Amino acid sequence: MRKFLASAVVAGATCVATPSIADIYHRETIANFRAVSIAYDALVCGIWVANESNEVVLLSTFGKELRRFDAGMRSVRSLTVEDGGILIANGWGEFRRLTREGRPIDTPFRLSDTLYDTEGLHQDADGSFLVVEDDPSRLMRIAPDGTVLMELFGDTFDPRMTEPQGVTRDPYSGNILVVDDNEGRNSLFELAPDGRVLSVSPLSDFGSDAEGVALQPETGTLYVGFDSGQALAIFDWSPTEITIDTPLDRGPDCAYS
């Protein structure tokens, strides 16, 4: 049976409208599976998972393991999907591109001089990257050449987002989804492109220490990875509101749901 969750949010925002209440529905949880960063890939109809080891895992949208390989880094802290494969980061400022079979495309490099503690990573439809870091707490947009296009600090949000760990974006609504871990609210933040807080959904009923988030937009299936909770939870999700005039490119249709 699906479990209904209505988020509790703090009223009285200073510079932004009070966040609405978001509803998500829990489908199931894959236990004993650590997922610190996750990314949906429509081309292979799967979910890429980093577990802060040297390995990257590909799961089906149902949670079945399809592929596992050594990423060539001692630790993979975050990852995202690109046209040619996946981009991984070690959380110490170093990035690397791999094919979907795990072959290196390039040598390790710096995506931007401002990035070190990269906790979450998502390539947007225009090729730029959404990045979250937790020290300090910030959400950034980085151009492919490393230029910082946007920098928002979670301590200025209402309610505050103090430990952002994972980030993705819904191409239909344009909303940005960020998970805040146990040192923060252990919650899902739904943000407008300018950082306005739309909703905050507590996740503690489903796992401990939320660190990864991904969305299958065709089905509204949301995946949240819990680090210390060692679990991958699957939800039905829909946006609180539409914040862009034209939907973004979401890539090819996935054959399965």
Protein backbone atom coordinates (compact mmCIF):
# COMPACT_ATOMS: atom_id res chain seq x y z
CA MET A 1 0.00 0.00 0.00
CA ARG A 2 1.32 3.43 -0.87
CA LYS A 3 1.96 5.76 2.01
CA PHE A 4 0.73 9.34 1.72
CA LEU A 5 3.02 12.17 2.75
CA ALA A 6 1.97 15.79 3.20
CA SER A 7 4.90 18.06 3.87
CA ALA A 8 5.04 20.44 6.79
CA VAL A 9 6.59 23.80 5.93
CA VAL A 10 7.47 26.91 7.86
CA ALA A 11 5.33 29.98 7.32
CA GLY A 12 6.51 33.58 7.35
CA ALA A 13 9.11 33.78 4.56
CA THR A 14 11.03 37.02 4.50
CA CYS A 15 11.60 37.68 0.82
CA VAL A 16 9.65 34.88 -0.84
CA ALA A 17 6.11 33.56 -0.78
CA THR A 18 5.32 30.95 1.84
CA PRO A 19 5.96 27.46 0.38
CA SER A 20 2.93 25.37 -0.53
CA ILE A 21 2.34 21.87 0.80
CA ALA A 22 3.56 19.12 -1.54
CA ASP A 23 2.11 15.61 -1.75
CA ILE A 24 4.20 12.59 -2.66
CA TYR A 25 3.23 8.92 -2.52
CA HIS A 26 5.64 6.24 -1.41
CA ARG A 27 5.68 3.19 -3.72
CA GLU A 28 8.42 0.98 -2.34
CA THR A 29 11.89 0.92 -0.83
CA ILE A 30 14.92 -1.08 -1.93
CA ALA A 31 16.69 -1.92 1.33
CA ASN A 32 20.40 -2.48 1.98
CA PHE A 33 21.42 -0.35 -0.97
CA ARG A 34 23.55 2.77 -0.46
CA ALA A 35 22.90 5.55 -2.95
CA VAL A 36 24.66 8.88 -2.31
CA SER A 37 24.04 10.18 -5.85
CA ILE A 38 21.56 9.03 -8.50
CA ALA A 39 20.68 10.13 -12.03
CA TYR A 40 17.93 9.03 -14.41
CA ASP A 41 19.03 8.05 -17.94
CA ALA A 42 16.19 7.74 -20.48
CA LEU A 43 18.55 6.42 -23.17
CA VAL A 44 19.09 3.18 -21.23
CA CYS A 45 15.86 3.44 -19.21
CA GLY A 46 17.75 3.21 -15.95
CA ILE A 47 19.09 4.88 -12.84
CA TRP A 48 22.82 5.47 -12.38
CA VAL A 49 23.96 5.18 -8.77
CA ALA A 50 27.13 6.27 -6.98
CA ASN A 51 27.73 4.80 -3.53
CA GLU A 52 30.92 6.71 -2.61
CA SER A 53 33.15 3.83 -3.67
CA ASN A 54 35.14 3.26 -6.86
CA GLU A 55 32.09 1.69 -8.52
CA VAL A 56 29.10 3.00 -10.47
CA VAL A 57 25.93 0.91 -10.71
CA LEU A 58 23.14 1.00 -13.31
CA LEU A 59 19.69 -0.06 -12.11
CA SER A 60 16.50 -0.54 -14.08
CA THR A 61 13.64 1.79 -13.17
CA PHE A 62 12.31 -1.17 -11.15
CA GLY A 63 15.53 -1.38 -9.10
CA LYS A 64 17.13 -4.42 -10.77
CA GLU A 65 20.91 -4.23 -11.19
CA LEU A 66 21.85 -4.09 -14.87
CA ARG A 67 25.52 -3.09 -14.86
CA ARG A 68 28.39 -2.37 -12.49
CA PHE A 69 31.89 -1.12 -13.25
CA ASP A 70 34.99 0.47 -11.75
CA ALA A 71 34.78 4.21 -12.46
CA GLY A 72 38.53 4.78 -12.22
CA MET A 73 38.21 7.05 -9.18
CA ARG A 74 38.83 6.00 -5.60
CA SER A 75 35.47 7.48 -4.65
CA VAL A 76 32.53 8.68 -6.75
CA ARG A 77 30.60 11.30 -4.78
CA SER A 78 28.18 12.56 -7.46
CA LEU A 79 27.22 11.91 -11.07
CA THR A 80 24.98 13.06 -13.90
CA VAL A 81 24.01 11.95 -17.40
CA GLU A 82 25.37 13.58 -20.56
CA ASP A 83 24.77 12.85 -24.25
CA GLY A 84 27.88 10.70 -24.56
CA GLY A 85 27.72 8.93 -21.21
CA ILE A 86 28.05 9.98 -17.59
CA LEU A 87 30.01 12.65 -15.75
CA ILE A 88 31.33 11.70 -12.30
CA ALA A 89 32.90 13.74 -9.49
CA ASN A 90 34.95 12.66 -6.48
CA GLY A 91 33.85 15.47 -4.15
CA TRP A 92 37.33 17.01 -4.10
CA GLY A 93 37.06 19.11 -7.24
CA GLU A 94 37.96 16.39 -9.75
CA PHE A 95 35.61 15.30 -12.57
CA ARG A 96 35.77 12.63 -15.29
CA ARG A 97 33.64 11.51 -18.23
CA LEU A 98 32.85 7.84 -18.91
CA THR A 99 30.89 5.98 -21.55
CA ARG A 100 27.83 4.07 -20.42
CA GLU A 101 29.98 0.93 -20.55
CA GLY A 102 32.48 2.47 -18.13
CA ARG A 103 35.27 3.35 -20.54
CA PRO A 104 37.04 6.67 -19.83
CA ILE A 105 36.34 9.44 -22.35
CA ASP A 106 38.89 11.86 -20.92
CA THR A 107 41.36 12.28 -18.11
CA PRO A 108 40.33 13.83 -14.76
CA PHE A 109 39.74 17.59 -14.94
CA ARG A 110 38.27 20.54 -13.03
CA LEU A 111 34.78 21.53 -14.16
CA SER A 112 35.10 24.89 -12.41
CA ASP A 113 37.67 26.49 -10.11
CA THR A 114 34.87 27.25 -7.62
CA LEU A 115 33.83 23.59 -7.19
CA TYR A 116 35.36 21.36 -4.53
CA ASP A 117 32.82 19.64 -2.27
CA THR A 118 30.39 18.66 -5.04
CA GLU A 119 27.58 16.73 -3.35
CA GLY A 120 25.02 16.74 -6.17
CA LEU A 121 25.23 17.24 -9.93
CA HIS A 122 22.68 17.50 -12.75
CA GLN A 123 23.18 18.49 -16.38
CA ASP A 124 20.29 20.68 -17.52
CA ALA A 125 18.67 20.81 -20.96
CA ASP A 126 20.86 23.74 -22.10
CA GLY A 127 24.09 21.92 -21.22
CA SER A 128 24.77 23.84 -18.02
CA PHE A 129 25.12 22.05 -14.68
CA LEU A 130 23.12 22.41 -11.49
CA VAL A 131 25.44 21.73 -8.55
CA VAL A 132 24.86 21.59 -4.79
CA GLU A 133 27.51 21.81 -2.11
CA ASP A 134 27.08 21.77 1.66
CA ASP A 135 30.05 23.77 2.94
CA PRO A 136 28.84 26.42 2.42
CA SER A 137 25.28 25.40 1.61
CA ARG A 138 24.72 26.55 -1.96
CA LEU A 139 22.96 25.77 -5.22
CA MET A 140 24.83 26.83 -8.35
CA ARG A 141 24.43 26.80 -12.09
CA ILE A 142 27.74 26.27 -13.90
CA ALA A 143 28.26 26.81 -17.63
CA PRO A 144 30.12 24.09 -19.60
CA ASP A 145 33.19 26.36 -19.62
CA GLY A 146 33.13 26.62 -15.81
CA THR A 147 31.56 30.07 -15.51
CA VAL A 148 29.29 30.49 -12.49
CA LEU A 149 25.89 31.56 -13.87
CA MET A 150 23.94 31.41 -10.59
CA GLU A 151 24.81 31.02 -6.91
CA LEU A 152 22.10 30.74 -4.23
CA PHE A 153 22.83 30.10 -0.56
CA GLY A 154 20.59 27.64 1.28
CA ASP A 155 20.88 29.58 4.55
CA THR A 156 18.88 32.38 2.92
CA PHE A 157 15.95 30.10 2.02
CA ASP A 158 12.82 29.95 4.14
CA PRO A 159 12.89 27.36 5.57
CA ARG A 160 16.68 27.09 5.53
CA MET A 161 18.40 24.40 3.48
CA THR A 162 21.60 23.70 5.40
CA GLU A 163 22.96 20.40 3.99
CA PRO A 164 22.02 20.01 0.30
CA GLN A 165 23.23 16.68 -1.05
CA GLY A 166 21.48 15.82 -4.33
CA VAL A 167 19.87 17.80 -7.13
CA THR A 168 17.75 17.18 -10.24
CA ARG A 169 15.25 19.14 -12.33
CA ASP A 170 11.75 18.42 -13.62
CA PRO A 171 11.71 19.31 -17.34
CA TYR A 172 7.93 19.85 -17.43
CA SER A 173 7.54 22.32 -14.58
CA GLY A 174 11.10 23.64 -14.59
CA ASN A 175 11.32 23.08 -10.84
CA ILE A 176 14.58 22.10 -9.16
CA LEU A 177 14.51 19.28 -6.61
CA VAL A 178 17.15 19.16 -3.86
CA VAL A 179 17.47 16.76 -0.92
CA ASP A 180 18.76 18.02 2.43
CA ASP A 181 20.35 15.35 4.65
CA ASN A 182 20.10 14.52 8.37
CA GLU A 183 22.31 17.43 9.38
CA GLY A 184 19.61 19.58 7.82
CA ARG A 185 15.93 18.64 7.49
CA ASN A 186 16.19 15.20 5.82
CA SER A 187 13.68 16.60 3.35
CA LEU A 188 12.96 17.20 -0.33
CA PHE A 189 13.07 20.87 -1.34
CA GLU A 190 11.15 21.90 -4.47
CA LEU A 191 12.48 25.18 -5.86
CA ALA A 192 11.60 27.55 -8.69
CA PRO A 193 14.49 28.28 -11.10
CA ASP A 194 15.28 31.48 -9.16
CA GLY A 195 15.50 29.62 -5.83
CA ARG A 196 12.03 30.42 -4.53
CA VAL A 197 10.99 27.63 -2.15
CA LEU A 198 7.79 25.98 -3.41
CA SER A 199 7.53 23.04 -1.02
CA VAL A 200 9.47 21.08 1.57
CA SER A 201 8.61 17.38 2.08
CA PRO A 202 9.98 15.52 5.14
CA LEU A 203 11.50 12.13 4.29
CA SER A 204 12.34 10.66 7.70
CA ASP A 205 9.42 8.21 7.53
CA PHE A 206 11.14 6.56 4.57
CA GLY A 207 14.84 6.66 5.34
CA SER A 208 17.71 8.31 7.14
CA ASP A 209 20.19 10.78 5.63
CA ALA A 210 18.77 11.67 2.18
CA GLU A 211 21.66 12.23 -0.22
CA GLY A 212 20.60 11.39 -3.79
CA VAL A 213 17.61 12.36 -5.93
CA ALA A 214 16.51 11.59 -9.49
CA LEU A 215 13.28 11.94 -11.45
CA GLN A 216 11.81 9.91 -14.31
CA PRO A 217 9.74 12.74 -15.82
CA GLU A 218 7.54 10.65 -18.14
CA THR A 219 6.01 8.85 -15.18
CA GLY A 220 6.60 11.30 -12.33
CA THR A 221 8.64 8.62 -10.56
CA LEU A 222 10.96 10.09 -7.95
CA TYR A 223 13.97 8.22 -6.54
CA VAL A 224 15.61 9.22 -3.25
CA GLY A 225 18.79 7.60 -1.97
CA PHE A 226 19.50 7.40 1.76
CA ASP A 227 23.13 7.13 2.86
CA SER A 228 23.21 6.04 6.51
CA GLY A 229 19.75 4.53 6.01
CA GLN A 230 21.16 2.28 3.25
CA ALA A 231 18.01 2.47 1.10
CA LEU A 232 16.62 3.67 -2.23
CA ALA A 233 13.01 4.86 -1.92
CA ILE A 234 10.66 5.22 -4.91
CA PHE A 235 7.77 7.71 -4.96
CA ASP A 236 5.09 9.16 -7.21
CA TRP A 237 5.61 12.92 -7.43
CA SER A 238 3.99 15.87 -9.18
CA PRO A 239 5.07 19.53 -9.18
CA THR A 240 3.48 22.05 -6.86
CA GLU A 241 3.27 24.59 -9.68
CA ILE A 242 4.64 25.27 -13.16
CA THR A 243 7.42 27.84 -13.11
CA ILE A 244 8.49 27.99 -16.78
CA ASP A 245 6.52 28.90 -19.92
CA THR A 246 7.97 26.20 -22.18
CA PRO A 247 8.84 22.63 -21.09
CA LEU A 248 12.51 21.67 -21.27
CA ASP A 249 13.90 18.87 -23.42
CA ARG A 250 13.63 15.64 -21.43
CA GLY A 251 15.43 13.34 -23.88
CA PRO A 252 14.08 10.12 -25.46
CA ASP A 253 11.08 8.28 -24.09
CA CYS A 254 11.89 5.42 -21.76
CA ALA A 255 10.28 2.15 -22.84
CA TYR A 256 9.47 1.04 -19.31
CA SER A 257 7.87 2.60 -16.23
